[in-house]
Amino acid sequence: MHPFKILGIAAALAVAAPLQAQEIFPKRPVTIVVPFSVGGVTDLFARVTGLKLGALWGQPVIVENRVGAGTIIGTQYVSRAPADGYTLLFTSYAFTSNPELRKNLPYAPSAFRPVALLGSTHNILLVNNKLKGKSLNELIALARSRSAQGGLTLGSSGPGSSPHIGAELFAQKAGIPFTHVPYKGQGPAMVDLTAGVFDGMFDGMSSYPQVQRGAVTAVAIAAPQRHPDAPEMPTFKELGMDFVAGSWFGLLAPAGVPHDIVAKINADLREVLKDPELKAQIAKTGMQVSTSTPEAFGKFLAQETEKLRNLIKQGARIDIN
């Protein structure tokens, strides 16, 4: 059975939560491990959420950054933590992509159980201003006309990143060639996009200020509906392409954490994420807050994994080993 399906089944058992155990958690500080660097979007989300949880629980919530090896170091650390709910993993897209893209991971997805989906961000297709005014169909035609030269040149923040996968999905949907131009991070990629070094790239709503400043041009957003902070930007579906791509943020626990504790953490997360102040802070990063049950998050993880697995089977060129 698929490891994420196992996670989903395990999460479904969390509905029968003994009240007594819920009332005594937590009795001491809780650590949230973030496998990303301080100051990034995931780190910010974890810290503002941790502050609200700490206030609700009357116990400190410590955010600990364990960075390295494409999130593997921090993820491995939590996989080996005591299964008592006091060490949690605040992670993102890499949790589902690493098992498909990397060899010899020091942990298995089944070492975790889902707690809650917390938020998401969808990718925008950005192009340099040399291509300003080009419609989606015109960009597709341009890519086909350049087949001998490798099609469009699309940058990303690195091999296997959400922007890279977005480009692969787009090329597959459109039936066009493209040349991947990987960078070590979003910042350097954006600098070269604005300079016209390559044609375009997919990036999250955090890059929207660059569009507002006129540094780059947005073609469409790969989301089910228009973003409330960019209502003028069409979705790919509106332009004739049923295409959704982006990243997500969620909380996981070691697999052995009792069902009742997972249910307690989930319920408390759903409560603090209603806070307007928290939502406003998160919205500044381009993310949208969303919550789920543990069961729904387990199913979501399985779907994300299957999407990437199918992309690889259909010939996507993703090598990060």
C-alpha atoms as a PDB file:
ATOM      1  CA  MET A   1       0.000   0.000   0.000  1.00  0.00           C
ATOM      2  CA  HIS A   2       1.174   3.517  -0.786  1.00  0.00           C
ATOM      3  CA  PRO A   3       2.848   5.061   2.316  1.00  0.00           C
ATOM      4  CA  PHE A   4       0.713   8.203   2.199  1.00  0.00           C
ATOM      5  CA  LYS A   5      -2.462   6.117   1.955  1.00  0.00           C
ATOM      6  CA  ILE A   6      -1.340   4.389   5.133  1.00  0.00           C
ATOM      7  CA  LEU A   7      -0.943   7.843   6.677  1.00  0.00           C
ATOM      8  CA  GLY A   8      -4.464   8.754   5.646  1.00  0.00           C
ATOM      9  CA  ILE A   9      -5.951   5.579   7.138  1.00  0.00           C
ATOM     10  CA  ALA A  10      -4.082   6.133  10.386  1.00  0.00           C
ATOM     11  CA  ALA A  11      -5.282   9.726  10.526  1.00  0.00           C
ATOM     12  CA  ALA A  12      -8.905   8.615  10.169  1.00  0.00           C
ATOM     13  CA  LEU A  13      -8.662   6.845  13.510  1.00  0.00           C
ATOM     14  CA  ALA A  14      -8.053  10.181  15.227  1.00  0.00           C
ATOM     15  CA  VAL A  15     -11.763  10.936  15.409  1.00  0.00           C
ATOM     16  CA  ALA A  16     -12.196   8.871  18.569  1.00  0.00           C
ATOM     17  CA  ALA A  17     -10.149  11.034  20.928  1.00  0.00           C
ATOM     18  CA  PRO A  18     -10.333  10.325  24.663  1.00  0.00           C
ATOM     19  CA  LEU A  19     -11.228  13.564  26.416  1.00  0.00           C
ATOM     20  CA  GLN A  20      -8.922  12.971  29.372  1.00  0.00           C
ATOM     21  CA  ALA A  21      -5.757  12.766  27.258  1.00  0.00           C
ATOM     22  CA  GLN A  22      -6.774  15.864  25.293  1.00  0.00           C
ATOM     23  CA  GLU A  23      -7.153  17.842  28.504  1.00  0.00           C
ATOM     24  CA  ILE A  24      -3.595  17.138  29.719  1.00  0.00           C
ATOM     25  CA  PHE A  25      -1.710  18.014  26.497  1.00  0.00           C
ATOM     26  CA  PRO A  26       0.600  19.879  26.516  1.00  0.00           C
ATOM     27  CA  LYS A  27       2.101  19.837  29.991  1.00  0.00           C
ATOM     28  CA  ARG A  28       5.468  21.249  28.884  1.00  0.00           C
ATOM     29  CA  PRO A  29       7.026  23.198  25.962  1.00  0.00           C
ATOM     30  CA  VAL A  30       6.406  21.932  22.431  1.00  0.00           C
ATOM     31  CA  THR A  31       9.081  22.124  19.716  1.00  0.00           C
ATOM     32  CA  ILE A  32       8.175  22.775  16.091  1.00  0.00           C
ATOM     33  CA  VAL A  33      11.046  21.859  13.762  1.00  0.00           C
ATOM     34  CA  VAL A  34      11.298  23.877  10.546  1.00  0.00           C
ATOM     35  CA  PRO A  35      13.673  22.327   7.966  1.00  0.00           C
ATOM     36  CA  PHE A  36      14.115  25.722   6.271  1.00  0.00           C
ATOM     37  CA  SER A  37      16.249  28.736   7.115  1.00  0.00           C
ATOM     38  CA  VAL A  38      15.243  31.570   9.442  1.00  0.00           C
ATOM     39  CA  GLY A  39      13.345  34.378   7.747  1.00  0.00           C
ATOM     40  CA  GLY A  40      11.781  32.376   4.933  1.00  0.00           C
ATOM     41  CA  VAL A  41       8.083  31.978   4.258  1.00  0.00           C
ATOM     42  CA  THR A  42       7.800  28.598   5.991  1.00  0.00           C
ATOM     43  CA  ASP A  43       9.725  29.875   9.017  1.00  0.00           C
ATOM     44  CA  LEU A  44       7.457  32.920   9.309  1.00  0.00           C
ATOM     45  CA  PHE A  45       4.313  30.803   9.071  1.00  0.00           C
ATOM     46  CA  ALA A  46       5.618  28.443  11.763  1.00  0.00           C
ATOM     47  CA  ARG A  47       6.572  31.273  14.119  1.00  0.00           C
ATOM     48  CA  VAL A  48       3.306  33.205  13.978  1.00  0.00           C
ATOM     49  CA  THR A  49       1.351  29.959  14.351  1.00  0.00           C
ATOM     50  CA  GLY A  50       3.583  28.844  17.224  1.00  0.00           C
ATOM     51  CA  LEU A  51       3.018  32.104  19.089  1.00  0.00           C
ATOM     52  CA  LYS A  52      -0.746  31.706  18.871  1.00  0.00           C
ATOM     53  CA  LEU A  53      -0.608  28.050  19.917  1.00  0.00           C
ATOM     54  CA  GLY A  54       1.628  28.917  22.871  1.00  0.00           C
ATOM     55  CA  ALA A  55      -0.858  31.518  24.050  1.00  0.00           C
ATOM     56  CA  LEU A  56      -3.725  29.042  23.758  1.00  0.00           C
ATOM     57  CA  TRP A  57      -1.861  26.230  25.509  1.00  0.00           C
ATOM     58  CA  GLY A  58      -0.203  28.273  28.213  1.00  0.00           C
ATOM     59  CA  GLN A  59       3.053  26.542  27.275  1.00  0.00           C
ATOM     60  CA  PRO A  60       5.969  27.839  25.156  1.00  0.00           C
ATOM     61  CA  VAL A  61       6.135  26.688  21.541  1.00  0.00           C
ATOM     62  CA  ILE A  62       9.763  26.683  20.414  1.00  0.00           C
ATOM     63  CA  VAL A  63      10.491  26.971  16.691  1.00  0.00           C
ATOM     64  CA  GLU A  64      13.764  25.240  15.888  1.00  0.00           C
ATOM     65  CA  ASN A  65      15.373  25.567  12.439  1.00  0.00           C
ATOM     66  CA  ARG A  66      17.222  22.405  11.381  1.00  0.00           C
ATOM     67  CA  VAL A  67      18.380  23.229   7.887  1.00  0.00           C
ATOM     68  CA  GLY A  68      20.221  21.219   5.262  1.00  0.00           C
ATOM     69  CA  ALA A  69      20.131  18.590   2.503  1.00  0.00           C
ATOM     70  CA  GLY A  70      16.898  19.837   0.962  1.00  0.00           C
ATOM     71  CA  THR A  71      14.942  19.564   4.264  1.00  0.00           C
ATOM     72  CA  ILE A  72      16.215  16.030   4.942  1.00  0.00           C
ATOM     73  CA  ILE A  73      18.145  16.916   8.116  1.00  0.00           C
ATOM     74  CA  GLY A  74      15.194  18.457   9.934  1.00  0.00           C
ATOM     75  CA  THR A  75      12.750  15.849   8.676  1.00  0.00           C
ATOM     76  CA  GLN A  76      14.989  12.986   9.776  1.00  0.00           C
ATOM     77  CA  TYR A  77      15.340  14.574  13.216  1.00  0.00           C
ATOM     78  CA  VAL A  78      11.575  14.585  13.772  1.00  0.00           C
ATOM     79  CA  SER A  79      11.208  11.036  12.422  1.00  0.00           C
ATOM     80  CA  ARG A  80      13.450   9.874  15.294  1.00  0.00           C
ATOM     81  CA  ALA A  81      11.857  12.044  17.996  1.00  0.00           C
ATOM     82  CA  PRO A  82       9.779  10.552  20.827  1.00  0.00           C
ATOM     83  CA  ALA A  83       6.224   9.890  19.688  1.00  0.00           C
ATOM     84  CA  ASP A  84       4.597  12.036  22.358  1.00  0.00           C
ATOM     85  CA  GLY A  85       3.465  15.114  20.406  1.00  0.00           C
ATOM     86  CA  TYR A  86       6.132  17.401  21.846  1.00  0.00           C
ATOM     87  CA  THR A  87       8.257  17.443  18.662  1.00  0.00           C
ATOM     88  CA  LEU A  88       6.456  18.335  15.426  1.00  0.00           C
ATOM     89  CA  LEU A  89       7.497  19.013  11.822  1.00  0.00           C
ATOM     90  CA  PHE A  90       6.343  22.168  10.033  1.00  0.00           C
ATOM     91  CA  THR A  91       7.114  21.393   6.432  1.00  0.00           C
ATOM     92  CA  SER A  92       6.217  21.995   2.833  1.00  0.00           C
ATOM     93  CA  TYR A  93       6.258  20.571  -0.680  1.00  0.00           C
ATOM     94  CA  ALA A  94       9.636  18.846  -0.171  1.00  0.00           C
ATOM     95  CA  PHE A  95       8.032  16.288   2.148  1.00  0.00           C
ATOM     96  CA  THR A  96       6.155  14.727  -0.774  1.00  0.00           C
ATOM     97  CA  SER A  97       8.756  15.401  -3.467  1.00  0.00           C
ATOM     98  CA  ASN A  98      11.863  14.064  -1.712  1.00  0.00           C
ATOM     99  CA  PRO A  99      10.716  10.415  -1.609  1.00  0.00           C
ATOM    100  CA  GLU A 100      10.129  10.546  -5.372  1.00  0.00           C
ATOM    101  CA  LEU A 101      13.207  12.548  -6.374  1.00  0.00           C
ATOM    102  CA  ARG A 102      15.949  11.516  -3.947  1.00  0.00           C
ATOM    103  CA  LYS A 103      17.652   8.182  -3.390  1.00  0.00           C
ATOM    104  CA  ASN A 104      18.373   6.558  -0.038  1.00  0.00           C
ATOM    105  CA  LEU A 105      16.375   8.858   2.235  1.00  0.00           C
ATOM    106  CA  PRO A 106      17.211   8.218   5.911  1.00  0.00           C
ATOM    107  CA  TYR A 107      13.499   8.056   6.767  1.00  0.00           C
ATOM    108  CA  ALA A 108      10.276   6.779   5.221  1.00  0.00           C
ATOM    109  CA  PRO A 109       7.077   8.811   4.777  1.00  0.00           C
ATOM    110  CA  SER A 110       5.388   6.212   6.975  1.00  0.00           C
ATOM    111  CA  ALA A 111       7.532   7.475   9.888  1.00  0.00           C
ATOM    112  CA  PHE A 112       5.080  10.390  10.130  1.00  0.00           C
ATOM    113  CA  ARG A 113       1.404  10.932  10.686  1.00  0.00           C
ATOM    114  CA  PRO A 114      -0.423  13.978   9.303  1.00  0.00           C
ATOM    115  CA  VAL A 115      -1.719  16.563  11.739  1.00  0.00           C
ATOM    116  CA  ALA A 116      -3.098  19.356   9.531  1.00  0.00           C
ATOM    117  CA  LEU A 117      -2.772  21.165   6.239  1.00  0.00           C
ATOM    118  CA  LEU A 118      -2.219  24.813   7.156  1.00  0.00           C
ATOM    119  CA  GLY A 119      -1.868  26.844   3.985  1.00  0.00           C
ATOM    120  CA  SER A 120      -0.997  26.973   0.324  1.00  0.00           C
ATOM    121  CA  THR A 121       0.381  29.189  -2.376  1.00  0.00           C
ATOM    122  CA  HIS A 122      -0.073  28.830  -6.126  1.00  0.00           C
ATOM    123  CA  ASN A 123       2.479  29.483  -8.820  1.00  0.00           C
ATOM    124  CA  ILE A 124       2.341  32.346 -11.294  1.00  0.00           C
ATOM    125  CA  LEU A 125       3.856  32.147 -14.766  1.00  0.00           C
ATOM    126  CA  LEU A 126       6.105  35.194 -14.976  1.00  0.00           C
ATOM    127  CA  VAL A 127       7.888  36.350 -18.120  1.00  0.00           C
ATOM    128  CA  ASN A 128      10.506  39.003 -18.686  1.00  0.00           C
ATOM    129  CA  ASN A 129       9.342  42.296 -20.122  1.00  0.00           C
ATOM    130  CA  LYS A 130      10.696  41.465 -23.570  1.00  0.00           C
ATOM    131  CA  LEU A 131       7.676  39.154 -23.764  1.00  0.00           C
ATOM    132  CA  LYS A 132       5.242  41.612 -22.185  1.00  0.00           C
ATOM    133  CA  GLY A 133       1.866  41.532 -23.888  1.00  0.00           C
ATOM    134  CA  LYS A 134       2.251  37.971 -25.135  1.00  0.00           C
ATOM    135  CA  SER A 135      -0.843  35.864 -24.515  1.00  0.00           C
ATOM    136  CA  LEU A 136      -0.607  32.315 -23.209  1.00  0.00           C
ATOM    137  CA  ASN A 137      -1.328  30.944 -26.674  1.00  0.00           C
ATOM    138  CA  GLU A 138       1.340  33.185 -28.184  1.00  0.00           C
ATOM    139  CA  LEU A 139       3.901  31.925 -25.663  1.00  0.00           C
ATOM    140  CA  ILE A 140       2.985  28.340 -26.501  1.00  0.00           C
ATOM    141  CA  ALA A 141       3.360  29.095 -30.212  1.00  0.00           C
ATOM    142  CA  LEU A 142       6.721  30.746 -29.527  1.00  0.00           C
ATOM    143  CA  ALA A 143       7.927  27.648 -27.677  1.00  0.00           C
ATOM    144  CA  ARG A 144       6.947  25.421 -30.587  1.00  0.00           C
ATOM    145  CA  SER A 145       8.647  27.696 -33.093  1.00  0.00           C
ATOM    146  CA  ARG A 146      11.861  27.333 -31.083  1.00  0.00           C
ATOM    147  CA  SER A 147      11.742  23.541 -30.825  1.00  0.00           C
ATOM    148  CA  ALA A 148      15.138  23.156 -32.466  1.00  0.00           C
ATOM    149  CA  GLN A 149      16.639  25.545 -29.893  1.00  0.00           C
ATOM    150  CA  GLY A 150      14.992  23.861 -26.877  1.00  0.00           C
ATOM    151  CA  GLY A 151      11.776  25.900 -26.694  1.00  0.00           C
ATOM    152  CA  LEU A 152      11.187  28.448 -23.948  1.00  0.00           C
ATOM    153  CA  THR A 153      13.873  28.972 -21.323  1.00  0.00           C
ATOM    154  CA  LEU A 154      12.262  28.666 -17.888  1.00  0.00           C
ATOM    155  CA  GLY A 155      14.191  29.361 -14.703  1.00  0.00           C
ATOM    156  CA  SER A 156      13.575  28.041 -11.202  1.00  0.00           C
ATOM    157  CA  SER A 157      14.885  28.270  -7.662  1.00  0.00           C
ATOM    158  CA  GLY A 158      16.483  24.848  -8.082  1.00  0.00           C
ATOM    159  CA  PRO A 159      16.029  21.329  -9.465  1.00  0.00           C
ATOM    160  CA  GLY A 160      12.986  19.629  -7.984  1.00  0.00           C
ATOM    161  CA  SER A 161      11.622  22.855  -6.487  1.00  0.00           C
ATOM    162  CA  SER A 162       7.961  23.789  -6.723  1.00  0.00           C
ATOM    163  CA  PRO A 163       8.696  26.297  -9.552  1.00  0.00           C
ATOM    164  CA  HIS A 164      10.600  23.588 -11.448  1.00  0.00           C
ATOM    165  CA  ILE A 165       7.754  21.099 -11.074  1.00  0.00           C
ATOM    166  CA  GLY A 166       5.340  23.837 -12.140  1.00  0.00           C
ATOM    167  CA  ALA A 167       7.328  24.332 -15.338  1.00  0.00           C
ATOM    168  CA  GLU A 168       7.361  20.589 -16.027  1.00  0.00           C
ATOM    169  CA  LEU A 169       3.600  20.324 -15.500  1.00  0.00           C
ATOM    170  CA  PHE A 170       2.989  23.353 -17.711  1.00  0.00           C
ATOM    171  CA  ALA A 171       5.138  21.978 -20.528  1.00  0.00           C
ATOM    172  CA  GLN A 172       3.373  18.634 -20.290  1.00  0.00           C
ATOM    173  CA  LYS A 173      -0.094  20.227 -20.377  1.00  0.00           C
ATOM    174  CA  ALA A 174       0.805  22.560 -23.245  1.00  0.00           C
ATOM    175  CA  GLY A 175       2.753  19.944 -25.187  1.00  0.00           C
ATOM    176  CA  ILE A 176       5.773  22.209 -25.613  1.00  0.00           C
ATOM    177  CA  PRO A 177       9.543  21.919 -25.198  1.00  0.00           C
ATOM    178  CA  PHE A 178      11.422  23.994 -22.665  1.00  0.00           C
ATOM    179  CA  THR A 179      14.942  24.342 -21.331  1.00  0.00           C
ATOM    180  CA  HIS A 180      15.258  24.376 -17.552  1.00  0.00           C
ATOM    181  CA  VAL A 181      17.557  27.061 -16.106  1.00  0.00           C
ATOM    182  CA  PRO A 182      18.070  26.164 -12.408  1.00  0.00           C
ATOM    183  CA  TYR A 183      19.383  28.635  -9.830  1.00  0.00           C
ATOM    184  CA  LYS A 184      20.423  28.335  -6.188  1.00  0.00           C
ATOM    185  CA  GLY A 185      17.419  30.116  -4.760  1.00  0.00           C
ATOM    186  CA  GLN A 186      14.567  32.360  -5.847  1.00  0.00           C
ATOM    187  CA  GLY A 187      16.497  35.615  -5.444  1.00  0.00           C
ATOM    188  CA  PRO A 188      19.195  35.023  -8.082  1.00  0.00           C
ATOM    189  CA  ALA A 189      16.601  33.601 -10.469  1.00  0.00           C
ATOM    190  CA  MET A 190      14.424  36.706 -10.157  1.00  0.00           C
ATOM    191  CA  VAL A 191      17.404  39.004 -10.772  1.00  0.00           C
ATOM    192  CA  ASP A 192      18.169  37.242 -14.049  1.00  0.00           C
ATOM    193  CA  LEU A 193      14.523  37.081 -15.102  1.00  0.00           C
ATOM    194  CA  THR A 194      14.178  40.844 -14.736  1.00  0.00           C
ATOM    195  CA  ALA A 195      17.405  41.231 -16.734  1.00  0.00           C
ATOM    196  CA  GLY A 196      16.000  39.106 -19.550  1.00  0.00           C
ATOM    197  CA  VAL A 197      18.551  36.296 -19.208  1.00  0.00           C
ATOM    198  CA  PHE A 198      15.790  33.689 -19.682  1.00  0.00           C
ATOM    199  CA  ASP A 199      12.169  33.824 -20.832  1.00  0.00           C
ATOM    200  CA  GLY A 200      10.146  33.097 -17.732  1.00  0.00           C
ATOM    201  CA  MET A 201       9.612  31.102 -14.572  1.00  0.00           C
ATOM    202  CA  PHE A 202       6.962  29.901 -12.186  1.00  0.00           C
ATOM    203  CA  ASP A 203       6.981  31.405  -8.712  1.00  0.00           C
ATOM    204  CA  GLY A 204       4.616  31.903  -5.788  1.00  0.00           C
ATOM    205  CA  MET A 205       2.566  34.948  -4.901  1.00  0.00           C
ATOM    206  CA  SER A 206       5.522  36.221  -2.863  1.00  0.00           C
ATOM    207  CA  SER A 207       6.902  37.462  -6.203  1.00  0.00           C
ATOM    208  CA  TYR A 208       3.769  39.482  -6.984  1.00  0.00           C
ATOM    209  CA  PRO A 209       5.348  42.777  -5.790  1.00  0.00           C
ATOM    210  CA  GLN A 210       7.782  42.412  -8.714  1.00  0.00           C
ATOM    211  CA  VAL A 211       4.770  42.369 -11.028  1.00  0.00           C
ATOM    212  CA  GLN A 212       3.283  45.416  -9.334  1.00  0.00           C
ATOM    213  CA  ARG A 213       6.573  47.287  -9.771  1.00  0.00           C
ATOM    214  CA  GLY A 214       6.635  46.438 -13.456  1.00  0.00           C
ATOM    215  CA  ALA A 215       9.867  44.447 -13.203  1.00  0.00           C
ATOM    216  CA  VAL A 216       8.274  41.327 -14.716  1.00  0.00           C
ATOM    217  CA  THR A 217       4.958  40.412 -16.329  1.00  0.00           C
ATOM    218  CA  ALA A 218       2.420  37.898 -14.994  1.00  0.00           C
ATOM    219  CA  VAL A 219       0.679  35.697 -17.564  1.00  0.00           C
ATOM    220  CA  ALA A 220      -1.612  33.575 -15.354  1.00  0.00           C
ATOM    221  CA  ILE A 221      -1.863  31.903 -11.965  1.00  0.00           C
ATOM    222  CA  ALA A 222      -2.015  28.105 -11.643  1.00  0.00           C
ATOM    223  CA  ALA A 223      -4.858  28.127  -9.117  1.00  0.00           C
ATOM    224  CA  PRO A 224      -8.497  27.005  -9.042  1.00  0.00           C
ATOM    225  CA  GLN A 225      -9.645  30.637  -8.802  1.00  0.00           C
ATOM    226  CA  ARG A 226      -8.189  34.140  -8.980  1.00  0.00           C
ATOM    227  CA  HIS A 227      -6.143  35.295  -6.018  1.00  0.00           C
ATOM    228  CA  PRO A 228      -7.936  37.903  -3.868  1.00  0.00           C
ATOM    229  CA  ASP A 229      -4.824  40.108  -3.800  1.00  0.00           C
ATOM    230  CA  ALA A 230      -4.405  39.971  -7.587  1.00  0.00           C
ATOM    231  CA  PRO A 231      -7.941  39.932  -8.989  1.00  0.00           C
ATOM    232  CA  GLU A 232      -6.776  41.141 -12.395  1.00  0.00           C
ATOM    233  CA  MET A 233      -4.633  38.030 -12.956  1.00  0.00           C
ATOM    234  CA  PRO A 234      -6.467  35.246 -14.840  1.00  0.00           C
ATOM    235  CA  THR A 235      -6.176  31.578 -13.971  1.00  0.00           C
ATOM    236  CA  PHE A 236      -4.812  29.114 -16.510  1.00  0.00           C
ATOM    237  CA  LYS A 237      -8.249  27.490 -16.581  1.00  0.00           C
ATOM    238  CA  GLU A 238      -9.807  30.760 -17.733  1.00  0.00           C
ATOM    239  CA  LEU A 239      -7.288  30.780 -20.583  1.00  0.00           C
ATOM    240  CA  GLY A 240      -8.178  27.253 -21.660  1.00  0.00           C
ATOM    241  CA  MET A 241      -5.667  25.144 -19.700  1.00  0.00           C
ATOM    242  CA  ASP A 242      -6.810  23.136 -16.673  1.00  0.00           C
ATOM    243  CA  PHE A 243      -3.587  23.478 -14.715  1.00  0.00           C
ATOM    244  CA  VAL A 244      -2.989  23.881 -10.960  1.00  0.00           C
ATOM    245  CA  ALA A 245       0.477  24.004  -9.379  1.00  0.00           C
ATOM    246  CA  GLY A 246       2.073  25.434  -6.274  1.00  0.00           C
ATOM    247  CA  SER A 247       3.182  24.563  -2.789  1.00  0.00           C
ATOM    248  CA  TRP A 248       1.599  23.762   0.541  1.00  0.00           C
ATOM    249  CA  PHE A 249       2.441  24.032   4.236  1.00  0.00           C
ATOM    250  CA  GLY A 250       1.482  21.563   6.918  1.00  0.00           C
ATOM    251  CA  LEU A 251       2.241  19.988  10.274  1.00  0.00           C
ATOM    252  CA  LEU A 252       3.262  16.378  10.826  1.00  0.00           C
ATOM    253  CA  ALA A 253       4.115  14.310  13.891  1.00  0.00           C
ATOM    254  CA  PRO A 254       6.108  11.112  14.430  1.00  0.00           C
ATOM    255  CA  ALA A 255       3.978   8.129  13.429  1.00  0.00           C
ATOM    256  CA  GLY A 256       3.520   6.783  16.932  1.00  0.00           C
ATOM    257  CA  VAL A 257       1.926   9.895  18.430  1.00  0.00           C
ATOM    258  CA  PRO A 258      -1.420   8.854  19.960  1.00  0.00           C
ATOM    259  CA  HIS A 259      -4.561   9.617  17.973  1.00  0.00           C
ATOM    260  CA  ASP A 260      -6.067  11.736  20.732  1.00  0.00           C
ATOM    261  CA  ILE A 261      -3.044  14.039  20.899  1.00  0.00           C
ATOM    262  CA  VAL A 262      -3.063  14.500  17.116  1.00  0.00           C
ATOM    263  CA  ALA A 263      -6.772  15.341  17.282  1.00  0.00           C
ATOM    264  CA  LYS A 264      -6.103  17.857  20.073  1.00  0.00           C
ATOM    265  CA  ILE A 265      -3.316  19.602  18.144  1.00  0.00           C
ATOM    266  CA  ASN A 266      -5.461  19.663  15.000  1.00  0.00           C
ATOM    267  CA  ALA A 267      -8.436  21.198  16.804  1.00  0.00           C
ATOM    268  CA  ASP A 268      -6.253  23.846  18.430  1.00  0.00           C
ATOM    269  CA  LEU A 269      -4.578  24.699  15.124  1.00  0.00           C
ATOM    270  CA  ARG A 270      -7.950  25.180  13.482  1.00  0.00           C
ATOM    271  CA  GLU A 271      -8.888  27.522  16.307  1.00  0.00           C
ATOM    272  CA  VAL A 272      -5.764  29.718  16.167  1.00  0.00           C
ATOM    273  CA  LEU A 273      -5.835  29.899  12.365  1.00  0.00           C
ATOM    274  CA  LYS A 274      -9.176  31.707  12.582  1.00  0.00           C
ATOM    275  CA  ASP A 275      -7.335  34.685  14.075  1.00  0.00           C
ATOM    276  CA  PRO A 276      -7.582  37.735  11.737  1.00  0.00           C
ATOM    277  CA  GLU A 277      -4.182  39.066  12.829  1.00  0.00           C
ATOM    278  CA  LEU A 278      -2.473  35.777  11.965  1.00  0.00           C
ATOM    279  CA  LYS A 279      -4.253  35.591   8.616  1.00  0.00           C
ATOM    280  CA  ALA A 280      -3.145  39.138   7.792  1.00  0.00           C
ATOM    281  CA  GLN A 281       0.493  38.343   8.601  1.00  0.00           C
ATOM    282  CA  ILE A 282       0.415  35.220   6.439  1.00  0.00           C
ATOM    283  CA  ALA A 283      -1.331  37.026   3.576  1.00  0.00           C
ATOM    284  CA  LYS A 284       1.625  39.423   3.299  1.00  0.00           C
ATOM    285  CA  THR A 285       3.742  36.498   2.079  1.00  0.00           C
ATOM    286  CA  GLY A 286       1.264  35.620  -0.667  1.00  0.00           C
ATOM    287  CA  MET A 287       0.027  32.508   1.114  1.00  0.00           C
ATOM    288  CA  GLN A 288      -3.551  31.632   1.900  1.00  0.00           C
ATOM    289  CA  VAL A 289      -4.443  29.973   5.195  1.00  0.00           C
ATOM    290  CA  SER A 290      -6.409  26.740   4.901  1.00  0.00           C
ATOM    291  CA  THR A 291      -7.061  23.983   7.417  1.00  0.00           C
ATOM    292  CA  SER A 292      -8.005  20.325   7.268  1.00  0.00           C
ATOM    293  CA  THR A 293      -8.600  17.254   9.354  1.00  0.00           C
ATOM    294  CA  PRO A 294      -5.692  14.806   9.765  1.00  0.00           C
ATOM    295  CA  GLU A 295      -7.529  12.367   7.489  1.00  0.00           C
ATOM    296  CA  ALA A 296      -7.966  14.940   4.708  1.00  0.00           C
ATOM    297  CA  PHE A 297      -4.319  15.970   4.983  1.00  0.00           C
ATOM    298  CA  GLY A 298      -3.245  12.333   4.616  1.00  0.00           C
ATOM    299  CA  LYS A 299      -5.297  12.014   1.426  1.00  0.00           C
ATOM    300  CA  PHE A 300      -3.863  15.297   0.150  1.00  0.00           C
ATOM    301  CA  LEU A 301      -0.294  14.040   0.681  1.00  0.00           C
ATOM    302  CA  ALA A 302      -1.090  10.872  -1.264  1.00  0.00           C
ATOM    303  CA  GLN A 303      -2.524  12.915  -4.148  1.00  0.00           C
ATOM    304  CA  GLU A 304       0.501  15.219  -4.268  1.00  0.00           C
ATOM    305  CA  THR A 305       2.848  12.247  -4.388  1.00  0.00           C
ATOM    306  CA  GLU A 306       0.846  10.544  -7.117  1.00  0.00           C
ATOM    307  CA  LYS A 307       0.807  13.729  -9.197  1.00  0.00           C
ATOM    308  CA  LEU A 308       4.603  13.937  -9.136  1.00  0.00           C
ATOM    309  CA  ARG A 309       5.025  10.205  -9.734  1.00  0.00           C
ATOM    310  CA  ASN A 310       2.847  10.403 -12.847  1.00  0.00           C
ATOM    311  CA  LEU A 311       4.785  13.420 -14.085  1.00  0.00           C
ATOM    312  CA  ILE A 312       8.045  11.476 -13.827  1.00  0.00           C
ATOM    313  CA  LYS A 313       6.517   8.442 -15.559  1.00  0.00           C
ATOM    314  CA  GLN A 314       5.499  10.680 -18.447  1.00  0.00           C
ATOM    315  CA  GLY A 315       9.063  11.811 -19.024  1.00  0.00           C
ATOM    316  CA  ALA A 316       9.677  14.861 -16.827  1.00  0.00           C
ATOM    317  CA  ARG A 317      13.413  15.487 -16.458  1.00  0.00           C
ATOM    318  CA  ILE A 318      13.949  15.935 -12.739  1.00  0.00           C
ATOM    319  CA  ASP A 319      17.318  14.901 -11.322  1.00  0.00           C
ATOM    320  CA  ILE A 320      18.482  16.252  -7.974  1.00  0.00           C
ATOM    321  CA  ASN A 321      20.687  13.385  -6.778  1.00  0.00           C
END
